[in-house]
Amino acid sequence: PVVLDITVNLPNDSQVILK
């Protein structure tokens, strides 16, 4: 997924990428 502030709609996997 795109690394943006949309982690709210993404699973934890995406949150890790954002951090």
N, C-alpha and C. Protein backbone atom coordinates (compact mmCIF):
# COMPACT_ATOMS: atom_id res chain seq x y z
N PRO A 1 0.83 -1.23 0.00
CA PRO A 1 0.00 0.00 0.00
C PRO A 1 0.85 1.26 0.00
N VAL A 2 0.23 2.37 -0.23
CA VAL A 2 0.99 3.63 -0.25
C VAL A 2 1.36 4.05 1.16
N VAL A 3 2.58 4.51 1.31
CA VAL A 3 3.05 4.92 2.65
C VAL A 3 2.58 6.35 2.94
N LEU A 4 1.34 6.45 3.40
CA LEU A 4 0.78 7.78 3.69
C LEU A 4 0.07 7.76 5.04
N ASP A 5 -0.66 8.81 5.29
CA ASP A 5 -1.37 8.89 6.57
C ASP A 5 -2.66 8.08 6.54
N ILE A 6 -2.73 7.12 5.61
CA ILE A 6 -3.95 6.33 5.49
C ILE A 6 -3.83 5.03 6.29
N THR A 7 -2.83 4.95 7.17
CA THR A 7 -2.65 3.73 7.96
C THR A 7 -3.92 3.40 8.73
N VAL A 8 -4.71 4.41 8.97
CA VAL A 8 -5.95 4.21 9.72
C VAL A 8 -6.81 3.16 9.03
N ASN A 9 -6.69 3.08 7.72
CA ASN A 9 -7.50 2.12 6.97
C ASN A 9 -6.68 0.88 6.58
N LEU A 10 -5.45 0.87 7.01
CA LEU A 10 -4.59 -0.26 6.63
C LEU A 10 -4.28 -1.11 7.86
N PRO A 11 -3.86 -2.34 7.63
CA PRO A 11 -3.51 -3.23 8.74
C PRO A 11 -2.21 -2.81 9.42
N ASN A 12 -1.84 -3.55 10.44
CA ASN A 12 -0.60 -3.23 11.16
C ASN A 12 0.62 -3.30 10.26
N ASP A 13 0.57 -4.14 9.26
CA ASP A 13 1.71 -4.27 8.34
C ASP A 13 2.05 -2.93 7.72
N SER A 14 1.06 -2.17 7.39
CA SER A 14 1.30 -0.87 6.76
C SER A 14 1.78 0.14 7.81
N GLN A 15 1.26 0.01 9.00
CA GLN A 15 1.68 0.94 10.05
C GLN A 15 3.17 0.82 10.31
N VAL A 16 3.67 -0.38 10.24
CA VAL A 16 5.10 -0.59 10.48
C VAL A 16 5.92 0.14 9.42
N ILE A 17 5.43 0.13 8.18
CA ILE A 17 6.13 0.81 7.09
C ILE A 17 6.13 2.32 7.32
N LEU A 18 5.02 2.82 7.83
CA LEU A 18 4.93 4.26 8.08
C LEU A 18 5.90 4.68 9.17
N LYS A 19 6.02 3.86 10.18
CA LYS A 19 6.93 4.20 11.27
C LYS A 19 8.37 4.02 10.80
